[in-house]
């Protein structure tokens, strides 16, 4: 957002200061690609080459570590002590997708929405 700040960073070459932010951004992109394999077909390959170069000895010296493990629902819940949530019988209804369906009338869809909201509040 601030071109002058970017210019100062480029002149100072203090990239390692931003390694944590960059690692989080790259992790989010990698996670996005895993969940959307049809997206970013060419740019993802370029990103991997960039990350390989950044993980070389020269890259690590300049940037610091830019790779971190992918954050999944499981690892997030494990870190926060919430793995029991995955076994909760209310989870399926609480997270179901409710879409318009020509075979369902309005009251059926409303009932599904109410059941979903009820389960979400109980979890």
PDB file of N, CA and C in Angstrom:
ATOM      1  N   UNK A   1       0.817  -1.194   0.000  1.00  0.00           N
ATOM      2  CA  UNK A   1       0.000   0.000   0.000  1.00  0.00           C
ATOM      3  C   UNK A   1       0.857   1.253   0.000  1.00  0.00           C
ATOM      4  N   UNK A   2       2.035   1.154   0.542  1.00  0.00           N
ATOM      5  CA  UNK A   2       2.916   2.304   0.644  1.00  0.00           C
ATOM      6  C   UNK A   2       4.149   2.020  -0.200  1.00  0.00           C
ATOM      7  N   UNK A   3       4.223   2.651  -1.376  1.00  0.00           N
ATOM      8  CA  UNK A   3       5.327   2.393  -2.298  1.00  0.00           C
ATOM      9  C   UNK A   3       6.664   2.787  -1.695  1.00  0.00           C
ATOM     10  N   UNK A   4       6.686   3.863  -0.939  1.00  0.00           N
ATOM     11  CA  UNK A   4       7.945   4.302  -0.322  1.00  0.00           C
ATOM     12  C   UNK A   4       8.442   3.284   0.707  1.00  0.00           C
ATOM     13  N   UNK A   5       7.527   2.683   1.461  1.00  0.00           N
ATOM     14  CA  UNK A   5       7.920   1.652   2.432  1.00  0.00           C
ATOM     15  C   UNK A   5       8.499   0.449   1.699  1.00  0.00           C
ATOM     16  N   UNK A   6       7.904   0.076   0.587  1.00  0.00           N
ATOM     17  CA  UNK A   6       8.432  -1.021  -0.222  1.00  0.00           C
ATOM     18  C   UNK A   6       9.801  -0.699  -0.775  1.00  0.00           C
ATOM     19  N   UNK A   7       9.973   0.535  -1.195  1.00  0.00           N
ATOM     20  CA  UNK A   7      11.276   0.967  -1.716  1.00  0.00           C
ATOM     21  C   UNK A   7      12.331   0.923  -0.608  1.00  0.00           C
ATOM     22  N   UNK A   8      11.970   1.390   0.590  1.00  0.00           N
ATOM     23  CA  UNK A   8      12.919   1.355   1.718  1.00  0.00           C
ATOM     24  C   UNK A   8      13.297  -0.082   2.063  1.00  0.00           C
ATOM     25  N   UNK A   9      12.310  -0.986   2.051  1.00  0.00           N
ATOM     26  CA  UNK A   9      12.585  -2.391   2.338  1.00  0.00           C
ATOM     27  C   UNK A   9      13.540  -2.963   1.301  1.00  0.00           C
ATOM     28  N   UNK A  10      13.310  -2.650   0.044  1.00  0.00           N
ATOM     29  CA  UNK A  10      14.167  -3.158  -1.020  1.00  0.00           C
ATOM     30  C   UNK A  10      15.585  -2.617  -0.888  1.00  0.00           C
ATOM     31  N   UNK A  11      15.714  -1.359  -0.492  1.00  0.00           N
ATOM     32  CA  UNK A  11      17.041  -0.763  -0.325  1.00  0.00           C
ATOM     33  C   UNK A  11      17.753  -1.331   0.901  1.00  0.00           C
ATOM     34  N   UNK A  12      17.019  -1.570   1.982  1.00  0.00           N
ATOM     35  CA  UNK A  12      17.635  -2.077   3.213  1.00  0.00           C
ATOM     36  C   UNK A  12      17.937  -3.573   3.123  1.00  0.00           C
ATOM     37  N   UNK A  13      17.195  -4.279   2.281  1.00  0.00           N
ATOM     38  CA  UNK A  13      17.346  -5.725   2.102  1.00  0.00           C
ATOM     39  C   UNK A  13      17.130  -6.507   3.406  1.00  0.00           C
ATOM     40  N   UNK A  14      16.307  -5.963   4.302  1.00  0.00           N
ATOM     41  CA  UNK A  14      15.998  -6.623   5.571  1.00  0.00           C
ATOM     42  C   UNK A  14      14.730  -7.465   5.406  1.00  0.00           C
ATOM     43  N   UNK A  15      14.797  -8.453   4.516  1.00  0.00           N
ATOM     44  CA  UNK A  15      13.626  -9.265   4.200  1.00  0.00           C
ATOM     45  C   UNK A  15      13.277 -10.234   5.324  1.00  0.00           C
ATOM     46  N   UNK A  16      14.281 -10.679   6.072  1.00  0.00           N
ATOM     47  CA  UNK A  16      14.056 -11.669   7.127  1.00  0.00           C
ATOM     48  C   UNK A  16      13.073 -11.158   8.174  1.00  0.00           C
ATOM     49  N   UNK A  17      12.991  -9.844   8.312  1.00  0.00           N
ATOM     50  CA  UNK A  17      12.060  -9.238   9.267  1.00  0.00           C
ATOM     51  C   UNK A  17      10.609  -9.612   8.955  1.00  0.00           C
ATOM     52  N   UNK A  18      10.344  -9.891   7.701  1.00  0.00           N
ATOM     53  CA  UNK A  18       8.979 -10.195   7.257  1.00  0.00           C
ATOM     54  C   UNK A  18       8.776 -11.680   6.955  1.00  0.00           C
ATOM     55  N   UNK A  19       9.725 -12.522   7.358  1.00  0.00           N
ATOM     56  CA  UNK A  19       9.659 -13.955   7.028  1.00  0.00           C
ATOM     57  C   UNK A  19       8.387 -14.605   7.569  1.00  0.00           C
ATOM     58  N   UNK A  20       7.979 -14.273   8.784  1.00  0.00           N
ATOM     59  CA  UNK A  20       6.775 -14.877   9.361  1.00  0.00           C
ATOM     60  C   UNK A  20       5.526 -14.548   8.566  1.00  0.00           C
ATOM     61  N   UNK A  21       5.406 -13.288   8.158  1.00  0.00           N
ATOM     62  CA  UNK A  21       4.251 -12.870   7.361  1.00  0.00           C
ATOM     63  C   UNK A  21       4.262 -13.567   6.008  1.00  0.00           C
ATOM     64  N   UNK A  22       5.434 -13.607   5.374  1.00  0.00           N
ATOM     65  CA  UNK A  22       5.542 -14.261   4.072  1.00  0.00           C
ATOM     66  C   UNK A  22       5.237 -15.755   4.189  1.00  0.00           C
ATOM     67  N   UNK A  23       5.742 -16.399   5.234  1.00  0.00           N
ATOM     68  CA  UNK A  23       5.482 -17.830   5.427  1.00  0.00           C
ATOM     69  C   UNK A  23       3.987 -18.085   5.594  1.00  0.00           C
ATOM     70  N   UNK A  24       3.299 -17.224   6.324  1.00  0.00           N
ATOM     71  CA  UNK A  24       1.845 -17.377   6.505  1.00  0.00           C
ATOM     72  C   UNK A  24       1.104 -17.196   5.187  1.00  0.00           C
ATOM     73  N   UNK A  25       1.552 -16.228   4.384  1.00  0.00           N
ATOM     74  CA  UNK A  25       0.915 -16.006   3.083  1.00  0.00           C
ATOM     75  C   UNK A  25       1.129 -17.206   2.161  1.00  0.00           C
ATOM     76  N   UNK A  26       2.361 -17.719   2.109  1.00  0.00           N
ATOM     77  CA  UNK A  26       2.641 -18.874   1.261  1.00  0.00           C
ATOM     78  C   UNK A  26       1.874 -20.106   1.733  1.00  0.00           C
ATOM     79  N   UNK A  27       1.737 -20.276   3.042  1.00  0.00           N
ATOM     80  CA  UNK A  27       0.988 -21.407   3.584  1.00  0.00           C
ATOM     81  C   UNK A  27      -0.478 -21.304   3.171  1.00  0.00           C
ATOM     82  N   UNK A  28      -1.039 -20.105   3.219  1.00  0.00           N
ATOM     83  CA  UNK A  28      -2.439 -19.912   2.816  1.00  0.00           C
ATOM     84  C   UNK A  28      -2.619 -20.223   1.330  1.00  0.00           C
ATOM     85  N   UNK A  29      -1.661 -19.819   0.508  1.00  0.00           N
ATOM     86  CA  UNK A  29      -1.738 -20.123  -0.925  1.00  0.00           C
ATOM     87  C   UNK A  29      -1.644 -21.624  -1.176  1.00  0.00           C
ATOM     88  N   UNK A  30      -0.749 -22.300  -0.467  1.00  0.00           N
ATOM     89  CA  UNK A  30      -0.618 -23.747  -0.624  1.00  0.00           C
ATOM     90  C   UNK A  30      -1.901 -24.444  -0.188  1.00  0.00           C
ATOM     91  N   UNK A  31      -2.497 -23.996   0.909  1.00  0.00           N
ATOM     92  CA  UNK A  31      -3.749 -24.585   1.394  1.00  0.00           C
ATOM     93  C   UNK A  31      -4.868 -24.349   0.378  1.00  0.00           C
ATOM     94  N   UNK A  32      -4.908 -23.151  -0.203  1.00  0.00           N
ATOM     95  CA  UNK A  32      -5.916 -22.834  -1.218  1.00  0.00           C
ATOM     96  C   UNK A  32      -5.773 -23.778  -2.412  1.00  0.00           C
ATOM     97  N   UNK A  33      -4.541 -24.027  -2.826  1.00  0.00           N
ATOM     98  CA  UNK A  33      -4.308 -24.905  -3.973  1.00  0.00           C
ATOM     99  C   UNK A  33      -4.751 -26.333  -3.668  1.00  0.00           C
ATOM    100  N   UNK A  34      -4.521 -26.799  -2.451  1.00  0.00           N
ATOM    101  CA  UNK A  34      -4.941 -28.151  -2.070  1.00  0.00           C
ATOM    102  C   UNK A  34      -6.460 -28.274  -2.156  1.00  0.00           C
ATOM    103  N   UNK A  35      -7.171 -27.247  -1.721  1.00  0.00           N
ATOM    104  CA  UNK A  35      -8.634 -27.314  -1.722  1.00  0.00           C
ATOM    105  C   UNK A  35      -9.251 -26.938  -3.062  1.00  0.00           C
ATOM    106  N   UNK A  36      -8.465 -26.317  -3.950  1.00  0.00           N
ATOM    107  CA  UNK A  36      -8.956 -25.909  -5.271  1.00  0.00           C
ATOM    108  C   UNK A  36      -7.939 -26.314  -6.333  1.00  0.00           C
ATOM    109  N   UNK A  37      -7.789 -27.608  -6.611  1.00  0.00           N
ATOM    110  CA  UNK A  37      -6.725 -28.050  -7.515  1.00  0.00           C
ATOM    111  C   UNK A  37      -6.853 -27.513  -8.938  1.00  0.00           C
ATOM    112  N   UNK A  38      -8.053 -27.126  -9.342  1.00  0.00           N
ATOM    113  CA  UNK A  38      -8.237 -26.623 -10.702  1.00  0.00           C
ATOM    114  C   UNK A  38      -7.796 -25.172 -10.863  1.00  0.00           C
ATOM    115  N   UNK A  39      -7.500 -24.504  -9.766  1.00  0.00           N
ATOM    116  CA  UNK A  39      -7.107 -23.087  -9.804  1.00  0.00           C
ATOM    117  C   UNK A  39      -5.585 -22.953  -9.817  1.00  0.00           C
ATOM    118  N   UNK A  40      -5.102 -21.818 -10.233  1.00  0.00           N
ATOM    119  CA  UNK A  40      -3.681 -21.436 -10.193  1.00  0.00           C
ATOM    120  C   UNK A  40      -2.780 -22.479 -10.865  1.00  0.00           C
ATOM    121  N   UNK A  41      -3.171 -22.985 -11.999  1.00  0.00           N
ATOM    122  CA  UNK A  41      -2.408 -24.067 -12.628  1.00  0.00           C
ATOM    123  C   UNK A  41      -0.979 -23.657 -12.982  1.00  0.00           C
ATOM    124  N   UNK A  42      -0.769 -22.505 -13.566  1.00  0.00           N
ATOM    125  CA  UNK A  42       0.598 -22.106 -13.937  1.00  0.00           C
ATOM    126  C   UNK A  42       1.285 -21.329 -12.826  1.00  0.00           C
ATOM    127  N   UNK A  43       0.563 -20.465 -12.159  1.00  0.00           N
ATOM    128  CA  UNK A  43       1.198 -19.632 -11.132  1.00  0.00           C
ATOM    129  C   UNK A  43       1.628 -20.449  -9.918  1.00  0.00           C
ATOM    130  N   UNK A  44       0.962 -21.570  -9.640  1.00  0.00           N
ATOM    131  CA  UNK A  44       1.346 -22.387  -8.491  1.00  0.00           C
ATOM    132  C   UNK A  44       2.708 -23.037  -8.725  1.00  0.00           C
ATOM    133  N   UNK A  45       2.954 -23.489  -9.929  1.00  0.00           N
ATOM    134  CA  UNK A  45       4.270 -24.055 -10.254  1.00  0.00           C
ATOM    135  C   UNK A  45       5.369 -23.026 -10.061  1.00  0.00           C
ATOM    136  N   UNK A  46       5.107 -21.798 -10.485  1.00  0.00           N
ATOM    137  CA  UNK A  46       6.089 -20.720 -10.297  1.00  0.00           C
ATOM    138  C   UNK A  46       6.314 -20.448  -8.813  1.00  0.00           C
ATOM    139  N   UNK A  47       5.245 -20.505  -8.036  1.00  0.00           N
ATOM    140  CA  UNK A  47       5.359 -20.307  -6.589  1.00  0.00           C
ATOM    141  C   UNK A  47       6.247 -21.384  -5.971  1.00  0.00           C
ATOM    142  N   UNK A  48       6.090 -22.629  -6.411  1.00  0.00           N
ATOM    143  CA  UNK A  48       6.916 -23.711  -5.873  1.00  0.00           C
ATOM    144  C   UNK A  48       8.386 -23.507  -6.211  1.00  0.00           C
ATOM    145  N   UNK A  49       8.672 -23.056  -7.437  1.00  0.00           N
ATOM    146  CA  UNK A  49      10.064 -22.768  -7.792  1.00  0.00           C
ATOM    147  C   UNK A  49      10.618 -21.653  -6.910  1.00  0.00           C
ATOM    148  N   UNK A  50       9.823 -20.629  -6.675  1.00  0.00           N
ATOM    149  CA  UNK A  50      10.247 -19.526  -5.814  1.00  0.00           C
ATOM    150  C   UNK A  50      10.541 -20.023  -4.402  1.00  0.00           C
ATOM    151  N   UNK A  51       9.667 -20.871  -3.869  1.00  0.00           N
ATOM    152  CA  UNK A  51       9.870 -21.401  -2.521  1.00  0.00           C
ATOM    153  C   UNK A  51      11.088 -22.323  -2.452  1.00  0.00           C
ATOM    154  N   UNK A  52      11.343 -23.080  -3.523  1.00  0.00           N
ATOM    155  CA  UNK A  52      12.541 -23.922  -3.549  1.00  0.00           C
ATOM    156  C   UNK A  52      13.794 -23.052  -3.506  1.00  0.00           C
ATOM    157  N   UNK A  53      13.798 -21.983  -4.299  1.00  0.00           N
ATOM    158  CA  UNK A  53      14.945 -21.068  -4.292  1.00  0.00           C
ATOM    159  C   UNK A  53      15.097 -20.402  -2.934  1.00  0.00           C
ATOM    160  N   UNK A  54      13.985 -20.013  -2.337  1.00  0.00           N
ATOM    161  CA  UNK A  54      14.037 -19.346  -1.031  1.00  0.00           C
ATOM    162  C   UNK A  54      14.524 -20.296   0.051  1.00  0.00           C
ATOM    163  N   UNK A  55      14.351 -21.595  -0.151  1.00  0.00           N
ATOM    164  CA  UNK A  55      14.792 -22.576   0.837  1.00  0.00           C
ATOM    165  C   UNK A  55      16.246 -22.997   0.648  1.00  0.00           C
ATOM    166  N   UNK A  56      16.901 -22.464  -0.382  1.00  0.00           N
ATOM    167  CA  UNK A  56      18.328 -22.746  -0.563  1.00  0.00           C
ATOM    168  C   UNK A  56      19.112 -22.000   0.512  1.00  0.00           C
ATOM    169  N   UNK A  57      20.390 -22.289   0.622  1.00  0.00           N
ATOM    170  CA  UNK A  57      21.200 -21.635   1.662  1.00  0.00           C
ATOM    171  C   UNK A  57      21.224 -20.119   1.476  1.00  0.00           C
ATOM    172  N   UNK A  58      21.312 -19.655   0.227  1.00  0.00           N
ATOM    173  CA  UNK A  58      21.312 -18.205  -0.025  1.00  0.00           C
ATOM    174  C   UNK A  58      19.956 -17.589   0.314  1.00  0.00           C
ATOM    175  N   UNK A  59      18.893 -18.297  -0.053  1.00  0.00           N
ATOM    176  CA  UNK A  59      17.553 -17.790   0.241  1.00  0.00           C
ATOM    177  C   UNK A  59      17.273 -17.736   1.728  1.00  0.00           C
ATOM    178  N   UNK A  60      17.680 -18.776   2.446  1.00  0.00           N
ATOM    179  CA  UNK A  60      17.465 -18.791   3.899  1.00  0.00           C
ATOM    180  C   UNK A  60      18.234 -17.671   4.580  1.00  0.00           C
ATOM    181  N   UNK A  61      19.427 -17.376   4.075  1.00  0.00           N
ATOM    182  CA  UNK A  61      20.219 -16.289   4.665  1.00  0.00           C
ATOM    183  C   UNK A  61      19.540 -14.944   4.433  1.00  0.00           C
ATOM    184  N   UNK A  62      18.921 -14.779   3.270  1.00  0.00           N
ATOM    185  CA  UNK A  62      18.297 -13.491   2.940  1.00  0.00           C
ATOM    186  C   UNK A  62      16.907 -13.335   3.546  1.00  0.00           C
ATOM    187  N   UNK A  63      16.123 -14.399   3.514  1.00  0.00           N
ATOM    188  CA  UNK A  63      14.717 -14.287   3.898  1.00  0.00           C
ATOM    189  C   UNK A  63      14.368 -14.957   5.216  1.00  0.00           C
ATOM    190  N   UNK A  64      15.155 -15.923   5.635  1.00  0.00           N
ATOM    191  CA  UNK A  64      14.746 -16.745   6.762  1.00  0.00           C
ATOM    192  C   UNK A  64      13.821 -17.830   6.245  1.00  0.00           C
ATOM    193  N   UNK A  65      13.312 -18.683   7.114  1.00  0.00           N
ATOM    194  CA  UNK A  65      12.447 -19.781   6.658  1.00  0.00           C
ATOM    195  C   UNK A  65      11.092 -19.263   6.170  1.00  0.00           C
ATOM    196  N   UNK A  66      10.733 -19.646   4.943  1.00  0.00           N
ATOM    197  CA  UNK A  66       9.456 -19.211   4.368  1.00  0.00           C
ATOM    198  C   UNK A  66       8.443 -20.345   4.282  1.00  0.00           C
ATOM    199  N   UNK A  67       8.825 -21.531   4.713  1.00  0.00           N
ATOM    200  CA  UNK A  67       7.905 -22.662   4.680  1.00  0.00           C
ATOM    201  C   UNK A  67       7.451 -23.004   6.085  1.00  0.00           C
ATOM    202  N   UNK A  68       6.185 -23.280   6.203  1.00  0.00           N
ATOM    203  CA  UNK A  68       5.644 -23.784   7.458  1.00  0.00           C
ATOM    204  C   UNK A  68       4.622 -24.849   7.115  1.00  0.00           C
ATOM    205  N   UNK A  69       4.348 -25.776   8.019  1.00  0.00           N
ATOM    206  CA  UNK A  69       3.403 -26.855   7.718  1.00  0.00           C
ATOM    207  C   UNK A  69       2.014 -26.309   7.379  1.00  0.00           C
ATOM    208  N   UNK A  70       1.299 -27.051   6.527  1.00  0.00           N
ATOM    209  CA  UNK A  70      -0.070 -26.654   6.184  1.00  0.00           C
ATOM    210  C   UNK A  70      -0.961 -26.739   7.415  1.00  0.00           C
ATOM    211  N   UNK A  71      -1.761 -25.723   7.596  1.00  0.00           N
ATOM    212  CA  UNK A  71      -2.730 -25.700   8.699  1.00  0.00           C
ATOM    213  C   UNK A  71      -4.005 -26.375   8.202  1.00  0.00           C
ATOM    214  N   UNK A  72      -4.405 -27.427   8.861  1.00  0.00           N
ATOM    215  CA  UNK A  72      -5.645 -28.126   8.523  1.00  0.00           C
ATOM    216  C   UNK A  72      -6.618 -27.969   9.685  1.00  0.00           C
ATOM    217  N   UNK A  73      -7.846 -28.351   9.459  1.00  0.00           N
ATOM    218  CA  UNK A  73      -8.828 -28.318  10.547  1.00  0.00           C
ATOM    219  C   UNK A  73      -8.325 -29.191  11.692  1.00  0.00           C
ATOM    220  N   UNK A  74      -7.783 -30.355  11.343  1.00  0.00           N
ATOM    221  CA  UNK A  74      -7.302 -31.279  12.368  1.00  0.00           C
ATOM    222  C   UNK A  74      -6.169 -30.644  13.184  1.00  0.00           C
ATOM    223  N   UNK A  75      -5.151 -30.085  12.506  1.00  0.00           N
ATOM    224  CA  UNK A  75      -4.022 -29.511  13.255  1.00  0.00           C
ATOM    225  C   UNK A  75      -4.462 -28.310  14.077  1.00  0.00           C
ATOM    226  N   UNK A  76      -5.403 -27.531  13.562  1.00  0.00           N
ATOM    227  CA  UNK A  76      -5.905 -26.377  14.310  1.00  0.00           C
ATOM    228  C   UNK A  76      -6.629 -26.836  15.579  1.00  0.00           C
ATOM    229  N   UNK A  77      -7.524 -27.806  15.420  1.00  0.00           N
ATOM    230  CA  UNK A  77      -8.257 -28.317  16.586  1.00  0.00           C
ATOM    231  C   UNK A  77      -7.321 -29.009  17.571  1.00  0.00           C
ATOM    232  N   UNK A  78      -6.335 -29.732  17.055  1.00  0.00           N
ATOM    233  CA  UNK A  78      -5.376 -30.413  17.926  1.00  0.00           C
ATOM    234  C   UNK A  78      -4.602 -29.406  18.771  1.00  0.00           C
ATOM    235  N   UNK A  79      -4.153 -28.330  18.144  1.00  0.00           N
ATOM    236  CA  UNK A  79      -3.382 -27.307  18.856  1.00  0.00           C
ATOM    237  C   UNK A  79      -4.215 -26.618  19.935  1.00  0.00           C
ATOM    238  N   UNK A  80      -5.511 -26.487  19.696  1.00  0.00           N
ATOM    239  CA  UNK A  80      -6.385 -25.787  20.640  1.00  0.00           C
ATOM    240  C   UNK A  80      -7.192 -26.737  21.529  1.00  0.00           C
ATOM    241  N   UNK A  81      -6.846 -28.024  21.512  1.00  0.00           N
ATOM    242  CA  UNK A  81      -7.520 -28.990  22.377  1.00  0.00           C
ATOM    243  C   UNK A  81      -8.965 -29.253  22.002  1.00  0.00           C
ATOM    244  N   UNK A  82      -9.290 -29.195  20.722  1.00  0.00           N
ATOM    245  CA  UNK A  82     -10.682 -29.363  20.309  1.00  0.00           C
ATOM    246  C   UNK A  82     -10.944 -30.562  19.426  1.00  0.00           C
ATOM    247  N   UNK A  83     -10.099 -31.583  19.477  1.00  0.00           N
ATOM    248  CA  UNK A  83     -10.287 -32.750  18.606  1.00  0.00           C
ATOM    249  C   UNK A  83     -11.609 -33.471  18.849  1.00  0.00           C
ATOM    250  N   UNK A  84     -12.164 -33.360  20.034  1.00  0.00           N
ATOM    251  CA  UNK A  84     -13.442 -34.021  20.324  1.00  0.00           C
ATOM    252  C   UNK A  84     -14.551 -33.503  19.410  1.00  0.00           C
ATOM    253  N   UNK A  85     -14.402 -32.285  18.922  1.00  0.00           N
ATOM    254  CA  UNK A  85     -15.404 -31.707  18.025  1.00  0.00           C
ATOM    255  C   UNK A  85     -15.598 -32.569  16.782  1.00  0.00           C
ATOM    256  N   UNK A  86     -14.528 -33.171  16.278  1.00  0.00           N
ATOM    257  CA  UNK A  86     -14.632 -33.980  15.063  1.00  0.00           C
ATOM    258  C   UNK A  86     -15.503 -35.216  15.261  1.00  0.00           C
ATOM    259  N   UNK A  87     -15.651 -35.686  16.485  1.00  0.00           N
ATOM    260  CA  UNK A  87     -16.496 -36.842  16.762  1.00  0.00           C
ATOM    261  C   UNK A  87     -17.900 -36.480  17.199  1.00  0.00           C
ATOM    262  N   UNK A  88     -18.204 -35.192  17.260  1.00  0.00           N
ATOM    263  CA  UNK A  88     -19.518 -34.742  17.719  1.00  0.00           C
ATOM    264  C   UNK A  88     -20.576 -35.106  16.685  1.00  0.00           C
ATOM    265  N   UNK A  89     -21.639 -35.776  17.127  1.00  0.00           N
ATOM    266  CA  UNK A  89     -22.704 -36.204  16.212  1.00  0.00           C
ATOM    267  C   UNK A  89     -23.481 -35.028  15.623  1.00  0.00           C
ATOM    268  N   UNK A  90     -23.416 -33.864  16.242  1.00  0.00           N
ATOM    269  CA  UNK A  90     -24.124 -32.685  15.731  1.00  0.00           C
ATOM    270  C   UNK A  90     -23.367 -32.005  14.587  1.00  0.00           C
ATOM    271  N   UNK A  91     -22.108 -32.358  14.400  1.00  0.00           N
ATOM    272  CA  UNK A  91     -21.250 -31.666  13.440  1.00  0.00           C
ATOM    273  C   UNK A  91     -21.758 -31.770  12.005  1.00  0.00           C
ATOM    274  N   UNK A  92     -22.234 -32.932  11.598  1.00  0.00           N
ATOM    275  CA  UNK A  92     -22.675 -33.126  10.211  1.00  0.00           C
ATOM    276  C   UNK A  92     -23.789 -32.152   9.840  1.00  0.00           C
ATOM    277  N   UNK A  93     -24.780 -32.014  10.699  1.00  0.00           N
ATOM    278  CA  UNK A  93     -25.891 -31.095  10.406  1.00  0.00           C
ATOM    279  C   UNK A  93     -25.432 -29.648  10.564  1.00  0.00           C
ATOM    280  N   UNK A  94     -24.585 -29.381  11.551  1.00  0.00           N
ATOM    281  CA  UNK A  94     -24.132 -28.013  11.815  1.00  0.00           C
ATOM    282  C   UNK A  94     -23.285 -27.449  10.685  1.00  0.00           C
ATOM    283  N   UNK A  95     -22.672 -28.319   9.886  1.00  0.00           N
ATOM    284  CA  UNK A  95     -21.794 -27.844   8.814  1.00  0.00           C
ATOM    285  C   UNK A  95     -22.317 -28.168   7.423  1.00  0.00           C
ATOM    286  N   UNK A  96     -23.535 -28.718   7.334  1.00  0.00           N
ATOM    287  CA  UNK A  96     -24.060 -29.092   6.023  1.00  0.00           C
ATOM    288  C   UNK A  96     -24.322 -27.870   5.154  1.00  0.00           C
ATOM    289  N   UNK A  97     -24.237 -28.082   3.860  1.00  0.00           N
ATOM    290  CA  UNK A  97     -24.545 -27.027   2.900  1.00  0.00           C
ATOM    291  C   UNK A  97     -26.039 -27.091   2.598  1.00  0.00           C
ATOM    292  N   UNK A  98     -26.699 -25.968   2.754  1.00  0.00           N
ATOM    293  CA  UNK A  98     -28.130 -25.905   2.452  1.00  0.00           C
ATOM    294  C   UNK A  98     -28.287 -25.041   1.211  1.00  0.00           C
ATOM    295  N   UNK A  99     -28.671 -25.688   0.131  1.00  0.00           N
ATOM    296  CA  UNK A  99     -28.802 -24.989  -1.146  1.00  0.00           C
ATOM    297  C   UNK A  99     -30.241 -25.095  -1.640  1.00  0.00           C
ATOM    298  N   UNK A 100     -30.581 -24.175  -2.523  1.00  0.00           N
ATOM    299  CA  UNK A 100     -31.914 -24.220  -3.129  1.00  0.00           C
ATOM    300  C   UNK A 100     -32.035 -25.518  -3.920  1.00  0.00           C
ATOM    301  N   UNK A 101     -33.119 -26.211  -3.713  1.00  0.00           N
ATOM    302  CA  UNK A 101     -33.349 -27.493  -4.372  1.00  0.00           C
ATOM    303  C   UNK A 101     -34.782 -27.494  -4.879  1.00  0.00           C
ATOM    304  N   UNK A 102     -34.979 -27.682  -6.187  1.00  0.00           N
ATOM    305  CA  UNK A 102     -36.344 -27.647  -6.723  1.00  0.00           C
ATOM    306  C   UNK A 102     -37.246 -28.748  -6.161  1.00  0.00           C
ATOM    307  N   UNK A 103     -36.655 -29.791  -5.588  1.00  0.00           N
ATOM    308  CA  UNK A 103     -37.456 -30.882  -5.032  1.00  0.00           C
ATOM    309  C   UNK A 103     -37.880 -30.613  -3.593  1.00  0.00           C
ATOM    310  N   UNK A 104     -37.385 -29.520  -3.005  1.00  0.00           N
ATOM    311  CA  UNK A 104     -37.751 -29.172  -1.626  1.00  0.00           C
ATOM    312  C   UNK A 104     -38.588 -27.901  -1.640  1.00  0.00           C
ATOM    313  N   UNK A 105     -39.603 -27.882  -0.780  1.00  0.00           N
ATOM    314  CA  UNK A 105     -40.383 -26.649  -0.677  1.00  0.00           C
ATOM    315  C   UNK A 105     -39.723 -25.726   0.346  1.00  0.00           C
ATOM    316  N   UNK A 106     -40.242 -24.538   0.435  1.00  0.00           N
ATOM    317  CA  UNK A 106     -39.650 -23.512   1.302  1.00  0.00           C
ATOM    318  C   UNK A 106     -39.622 -23.944   2.770  1.00  0.00           C
ATOM    319  N   UNK A 107     -40.672 -24.599   3.230  1.00  0.00           N
ATOM    320  CA  UNK A 107     -40.721 -24.994   4.642  1.00  0.00           C
ATOM    321  C   UNK A 107     -39.670 -26.066   4.957  1.00  0.00           C
ATOM    322  N   UNK A 108     -39.380 -26.954   4.007  1.00  0.00           N
ATOM    323  CA  UNK A 108     -38.338 -27.959   4.224  1.00  0.00           C
ATOM    324  C   UNK A 108     -36.959 -27.293   4.345  1.00  0.00           C
ATOM    325  N   UNK A 109     -36.716 -26.331   3.478  1.00  0.00           N
ATOM    326  CA  UNK A 109     -35.434 -25.616   3.521  1.00  0.00           C
ATOM    327  C   UNK A 109     -35.317 -24.831   4.820  1.00  0.00           C
ATOM    328  N   UNK A 110     -36.405 -24.189   5.235  1.00  0.00           N
ATOM    329  CA  UNK A 110     -36.394 -23.439   6.501  1.00  0.00           C
ATOM    330  C   UNK A 110     -36.139 -24.375   7.683  1.00  0.00           C
ATOM    331  N   UNK A 111     -36.716 -25.577   7.639  1.00  0.00           N
ATOM    332  CA  UNK A 111     -36.500 -26.558   8.714  1.00  0.00           C
ATOM    333  C   UNK A 111     -35.033 -26.984   8.764  1.00  0.00           C
ATOM    334  N   UNK A 112     -34.416 -27.162   7.598  1.00  0.00           N
ATOM    335  CA  UNK A 112     -32.992 -27.512   7.556  1.00  0.00           C
ATOM    336  C   UNK A 112     -32.139 -26.386   8.140  1.00  0.00           C
ATOM    337  N   UNK A 113     -32.493 -25.157   7.812  1.00  0.00           N
ATOM    338  CA  UNK A 113     -31.749 -24.002   8.332  1.00  0.00           C
ATOM    339  C   UNK A 113     -31.873 -23.939   9.849  1.00  0.00           C
ATOM    340  N   UNK A 114     -33.085 -24.132  10.369  1.00  0.00           N
ATOM    341  CA  UNK A 114     -33.286 -24.116  11.828  1.00  0.00           C
ATOM    342  C   UNK A 114     -32.492 -25.229  12.510  1.00  0.00           C
ATOM    343  N   UNK A 115     -32.495 -26.433  11.912  1.00  0.00           N
ATOM    344  CA  UNK A 115     -31.743 -27.559  12.490  1.00  0.00           C
ATOM    345  C   UNK A 115     -30.245 -27.257  12.485  1.00  0.00           C
ATOM    346  N   UNK A 116     -29.780 -26.668  11.403  1.00  0.00           N
ATOM    347  CA  UNK A 116     -28.359 -26.313  11.316  1.00  0.00           C
ATOM    348  C   UNK A 116     -28.002 -25.291  12.389  1.00  0.00           C
ATOM    349  N   UNK A 117     -28.803 -24.243  12.521  1.00  0.00           N
ATOM    350  CA  UNK A 117     -28.546 -23.206  13.530  1.00  0.00           C
ATOM    351  C   UNK A 117     -28.597 -23.780  14.940  1.00  0.00           C
ATOM    352  N   UNK A 118     -29.550 -24.678  15.193  1.00  0.00           N
ATOM    353  CA  UNK A 118     -29.668 -25.300  16.518  1.00  0.00           C
ATOM    354  C   UNK A 118     -28.413 -26.109  16.845  1.00  0.00           C
ATOM    355  N   UNK A 119     -27.969 -26.923  15.894  1.00  0.00           N
ATOM    356  CA  UNK A 119     -26.769 -27.730  16.122  1.00  0.00           C
ATOM    357  C   UNK A 119     -25.529 -26.861  16.305  1.00  0.00           C
ATOM    358  N   UNK A 120     -25.419 -25.798  15.523  1.00  0.00           N
ATOM    359  CA  UNK A 120     -24.264 -24.902  15.658  1.00  0.00           C
ATOM    360  C   UNK A 120     -24.238 -24.261  17.035  1.00  0.00           C
ATOM    361  N   UNK A 121     -25.398 -23.874  17.532  1.00  0.00           N
ATOM    362  CA  UNK A 121     -25.424 -23.228  18.853  1.00  0.00           C
ATOM    363  C   UNK A 121     -25.119 -24.230  19.969  1.00  0.00           C
ATOM    364  N   UNK A 122     -25.468 -25.504  19.767  1.00  0.00           N
ATOM    365  CA  UNK A 122     -25.202 -26.529  20.785  1.00  0.00           C
ATOM    366  C   UNK A 122     -23.738 -26.970  20.801  1.00  0.00           C
ATOM    367  N   UNK A 123     -23.093 -26.847  19.663  1.00  0.00           N
ATOM    368  CA  UNK A 123     -21.668 -27.212  19.606  1.00  0.00           C
ATOM    369  C   UNK A 123     -20.909 -26.101  20.252  1.00  0.00           C
TER     370      UNK A 123
END
